Amino acid sequence: MSNSEDSAIKCIILGEMFVGKTNLINIASGVGFIGDYQSTAAPTFSIVKVLINEKEYHIQLWDTIGQEKFRTLTKLFYNNSKIVIFAYDITRRDTFEEIKNYWVKDVEEKLGKNIIRGIVGNKFDLFMNEQVTQEEGEEYAKSIGALFLLTSAKTDSPKKFEGFLTKLYEQYLIKEGVDLSDPKPTKNENKNKNIVLDKKKNSNGGGGNKCCLNK
């Protein structure tokens, strides 16, 4: 592992079984979508890179166990996380409700409400069977100050999820006092550390899928 990868920040992906957490990591790390897979047996991570102002940063993207009986084990991996992503399956309302009623509250108790957060509605390729609309997902994300992404790990370009990770990392840098207007970002302790959300939406091809910041 290189020096830059040694300094990678930790990001965990949380959510119920079979919402696609593993495949989101697979596409970000270059493995690609795997159609036939079993539930995650143990937390693992992959190193992924993002490029901001021509500077390369690295993220430890952690896959976690979604099964309810292993939630106590999953909590052990919250420590030192700088970014948290909550993933749900748009065709299963229960997976969305569990984010609202369990996962977000649990993370807030452990890491506080100021943690950088993203919410991913996955499996948009099955939108004909959706039980959670894009508007509902966006509205909830907005209510907790999180970024929102509607995607399909199966059919969307990997660049869509990679772009989402980049926006989350930008928020982390701003929180740390990094001036992103500088072509070569450096930490500036005198800058206002409040997170500023870019309100522009970024569309990515087909079917009206949107990776967006909250309105």
Protein backbone atom coordinates (compact mmCIF):
# COMPACT_ATOMS: atom_id res chain seq x y z
CA MET A 1 0.00 0.00 0.00
CA SER A 2 1.44 3.41 -0.98
CA ASN A 3 1.89 6.34 1.39
CA SER A 4 -1.15 8.07 -0.09
CA GLU A 5 -3.24 4.96 0.47
CA ASP A 6 -1.95 4.71 4.05
CA SER A 7 -3.54 8.12 4.68
CA ALA A 8 -6.87 7.14 3.11
CA ILE A 9 -9.92 8.24 5.05
CA LYS A 10 -12.49 5.68 6.17
CA CYS A 11 -15.95 5.50 4.64
CA ILE A 12 -18.47 2.82 5.62
CA ILE A 13 -21.52 1.70 3.67
CA LEU A 14 -24.46 0.65 5.82
CA GLY A 15 -27.82 -0.90 5.02
CA GLU A 16 -29.83 -4.09 4.98
CA MET A 17 -28.95 -7.37 3.27
CA PHE A 18 -28.98 -7.48 -0.53
CA VAL A 19 -29.39 -3.75 -1.16
CA GLY A 20 -26.20 -3.82 -3.23
CA LYS A 21 -23.53 -2.49 -0.87
CA THR A 22 -20.93 -4.95 -2.12
CA ASN A 23 -21.60 -4.18 -5.77
CA LEU A 24 -21.36 -0.43 -5.18
CA ILE A 25 -17.87 -1.04 -3.80
CA ASN A 26 -17.09 -3.44 -6.64
CA ILE A 27 -17.85 -0.88 -9.31
CA ALA A 28 -15.93 1.85 -7.48
CA SER A 29 -12.87 -0.35 -7.09
CA GLY A 30 -12.88 -1.58 -10.69
CA VAL A 31 -14.08 -5.14 -10.01
CA GLY A 32 -17.40 -4.52 -11.75
CA PHE A 33 -20.92 -5.74 -11.08
CA ILE A 34 -21.27 -9.34 -9.88
CA GLY A 35 -24.74 -10.69 -10.45
CA ASP A 36 -24.67 -13.84 -8.33
CA TYR A 37 -23.36 -13.19 -4.84
CA GLN A 38 -24.06 -14.14 -1.24
CA SER A 39 -24.51 -11.87 1.74
CA THR A 40 -21.33 -10.32 3.15
CA ALA A 41 -19.82 -12.64 5.75
CA ALA A 42 -17.37 -10.19 7.34
CA PRO A 43 -16.56 -6.48 6.99
CA THR A 44 -13.89 -5.81 4.37
CA PHE A 45 -12.61 -2.72 2.61
CA SER A 46 -11.30 -1.66 -0.77
CA ILE A 47 -9.12 1.34 -1.54
CA VAL A 48 -10.67 3.66 -4.12
CA LYS A 49 -9.32 6.94 -5.41
CA VAL A 50 -10.97 10.26 -6.21
CA LEU A 51 -9.51 13.17 -8.13
CA ILE A 52 -10.13 16.72 -6.92
CA ASN A 53 -8.43 19.69 -8.62
CA GLU A 54 -5.98 17.26 -10.23
CA LYS A 55 -4.95 15.92 -6.82
CA GLU A 56 -5.50 12.26 -5.97
CA TYR A 57 -7.11 11.24 -2.67
CA HIS A 58 -7.89 7.77 -1.35
CA ILE A 59 -10.84 6.29 0.51
CA GLN A 60 -11.05 3.05 2.50
CA LEU A 61 -14.51 1.98 1.38
CA TRP A 62 -15.82 -0.50 3.92
CA ASP A 63 -18.40 -3.17 3.17
CA THR A 64 -20.47 -4.14 6.20
CA ILE A 65 -22.78 -6.97 7.25
CA GLY A 66 -26.46 -6.14 6.79
CA GLN A 67 -27.96 -9.01 8.78
CA GLU A 68 -29.71 -7.83 11.92
CA LYS A 69 -28.08 -10.47 14.13
CA PHE A 70 -24.65 -9.04 13.28
CA ARG A 71 -25.44 -5.38 13.98
CA THR A 72 -23.39 -5.35 17.18
CA LEU A 73 -20.36 -6.47 15.16
CA THR A 74 -21.02 -3.86 12.47
CA LYS A 75 -21.04 -1.11 15.10
CA LEU A 76 -17.43 -1.89 15.93
CA PHE A 77 -16.46 -0.65 12.48
CA TYR A 78 -17.97 2.83 12.95
CA ASN A 79 -14.81 3.99 14.71
CA ASN A 80 -12.68 6.54 12.82
CA SER A 81 -15.17 6.80 9.96
CA LYS A 82 -15.14 10.20 8.24
CA ILE A 83 -17.93 9.48 5.75
CA VAL A 84 -20.99 7.23 6.05
CA ILE A 85 -23.11 6.04 3.13
CA PHE A 86 -26.56 4.54 3.75
CA ALA A 87 -27.80 2.30 0.93
CA TYR A 88 -31.30 0.97 0.28
CA ASP A 89 -33.09 -0.97 -2.46
CA ILE A 90 -35.76 1.18 -4.14
CA THR A 91 -37.92 -1.94 -4.66
CA ARG A 92 -37.99 -2.77 -0.94
CA ARG A 93 -39.51 -0.12 1.31
CA ASP A 94 -38.36 -1.93 4.43
CA THR A 95 -34.71 -1.24 3.51
CA PHE A 96 -35.46 2.49 3.30
CA GLU A 97 -37.41 2.49 6.57
CA GLU A 98 -34.53 0.74 8.35
CA ILE A 99 -32.19 3.55 7.28
CA LYS A 100 -34.54 6.12 8.81
CA ASN A 101 -35.50 4.16 11.90
CA TYR A 102 -32.24 2.42 12.75
CA TRP A 103 -29.06 3.08 10.78
CA VAL A 104 -29.05 6.88 10.78
CA LYS A 105 -29.99 7.11 14.45
CA ASP A 106 -27.36 4.56 15.40
CA VAL A 107 -24.62 6.40 13.51
CA GLU A 108 -25.64 9.75 15.01
CA GLU A 109 -25.36 8.28 18.50
CA LYS A 110 -21.89 6.96 17.78
CA LEU A 111 -20.38 9.54 15.40
CA GLY A 112 -22.58 12.62 15.87
CA LYS A 113 -24.83 14.50 13.47
CA ASN A 114 -21.97 16.35 11.77
CA ILE A 115 -20.53 13.27 10.10
CA ILE A 116 -20.44 13.56 6.28
CA ARG A 117 -23.31 11.42 4.98
CA GLY A 118 -24.68 10.14 1.71
CA ILE A 119 -27.81 8.17 0.89
CA VAL A 120 -27.95 5.84 -2.11
CA GLY A 121 -31.14 4.48 -3.62
CA ASN A 122 -29.89 1.45 -5.56
CA LYS A 123 -31.39 -0.88 -8.22
CA PHE A 124 -32.92 1.83 -10.41
CA ASP A 125 -32.85 -0.71 -13.25
CA LEU A 126 -35.89 -2.20 -11.48
CA PHE A 127 -37.72 1.14 -11.28
CA MET A 128 -40.98 -0.41 -12.54
CA ASN A 129 -41.18 -2.15 -9.14
CA GLU A 130 -40.10 0.81 -7.03
CA GLN A 131 -41.60 1.22 -3.57
CA VAL A 132 -39.58 4.34 -2.70
CA THR A 133 -39.69 7.26 -5.14
CA GLN A 134 -36.73 9.45 -5.99
CA GLU A 135 -38.53 12.43 -4.49
CA GLU A 136 -39.00 10.63 -1.18
CA GLY A 137 -35.35 9.62 -1.06
CA GLU A 138 -34.20 13.16 -1.89
CA GLU A 139 -36.49 14.71 0.70
CA TYR A 140 -35.24 12.45 3.48
CA ALA A 141 -31.62 13.04 2.53
CA LYS A 142 -32.25 16.78 2.61
CA SER A 143 -33.82 16.52 6.06
CA ILE A 144 -30.61 15.08 7.55
CA GLY A 145 -28.15 17.12 5.50
CA ALA A 146 -26.99 14.21 3.35
CA LEU A 147 -26.15 13.96 -0.34
CA PHE A 148 -28.45 11.75 -2.41
CA LEU A 149 -27.81 9.39 -5.30
CA LEU A 150 -30.29 7.33 -7.30
CA THR A 151 -28.44 4.68 -9.25
CA SER A 152 -28.14 1.12 -10.47
CA ALA A 153 -24.89 -0.66 -9.66
CA LYS A 154 -25.85 -3.09 -12.42
CA THR A 155 -26.53 -0.77 -15.38
CA ASP A 156 -25.11 2.71 -14.61
CA SER A 157 -21.61 3.79 -15.51
CA PRO A 158 -19.14 3.35 -12.63
CA LYS A 159 -18.37 7.05 -13.03
CA LYS A 160 -21.75 7.87 -11.50
CA PHE A 161 -20.96 6.37 -8.10
CA GLU A 162 -17.36 7.59 -8.36
CA GLY A 163 -18.68 11.13 -8.86
CA PHE A 164 -20.84 10.73 -5.77
CA LEU A 165 -17.82 9.64 -3.73
CA THR A 166 -15.91 12.66 -5.02
CA LYS A 167 -18.64 15.05 -3.85
CA LEU A 168 -18.66 13.42 -0.42
CA TYR A 169 -14.88 13.73 -0.23
CA GLU A 170 -15.10 17.40 -1.20
CA GLN A 171 -17.48 17.94 1.71
CA TYR A 172 -15.00 16.23 4.01
CA LEU A 173 -12.16 18.48 2.79
CA ILE A 174 -14.26 21.61 3.26
CA LYS A 175 -15.13 20.47 6.79
CA GLU A 176 -11.40 20.08 7.43
CA GLY A 177 -10.75 23.63 6.28
CA VAL A 178 -9.36 22.91 2.83
CA ASP A 179 -9.83 25.68 0.26
CA LEU A 180 -11.13 23.92 -2.86
CA SER A 181 -10.88 27.10 -4.91
CA ASP A 182 -7.10 26.64 -4.77
CA PRO A 183 -5.89 24.54 -7.77
CA LYS A 184 -3.72 22.67 -5.27
CA PRO A 185 -5.91 22.41 -2.17
CA THR A 186 -4.18 22.94 1.16
CA LYS A 187 -5.56 23.03 4.64
CA ASN A 188 -6.34 26.55 5.79
CA GLU A 189 -7.23 26.79 9.45
CA ASN A 190 -8.50 30.36 9.04
CA LYS A 191 -11.17 29.50 6.49
CA ASN A 192 -14.79 29.08 7.46
CA LYS A 193 -15.25 25.34 8.01
CA ASN A 194 -18.99 25.22 7.35
CA ILE A 195 -19.97 22.82 4.59
CA VAL A 196 -21.25 24.57 1.47
CA LEU A 197 -23.49 22.46 -0.72
CA ASP A 198 -23.36 22.87 -4.47
CA LYS A 199 -27.01 23.02 -5.48
CA LYS A 200 -26.47 21.99 -9.08
CA LYS A 201 -27.65 18.57 -10.15
CA ASN A 202 -25.53 16.24 -12.23
CA SER A 203 -27.44 14.01 -14.64
CA ASN A 204 -25.91 10.82 -15.94
CA GLY A 205 -27.62 9.41 -18.98
CA GLY A 206 -30.55 7.08 -19.39
CA GLY A 207 -33.81 6.89 -17.59
CA GLY A 208 -33.55 10.20 -15.81
CA ASN A 209 -31.24 8.82 -13.12
CA LYS A 210 -29.79 11.64 -11.07
CA CYS A 211 -26.82 12.04 -8.84
CA CYS A 212 -27.66 15.19 -7.08
CA LEU A 213 -27.11 17.40 -4.12
CA ASN A 214 -30.22 18.30 -2.25
CA LYS A 215 -32.30 21.20 -3.43
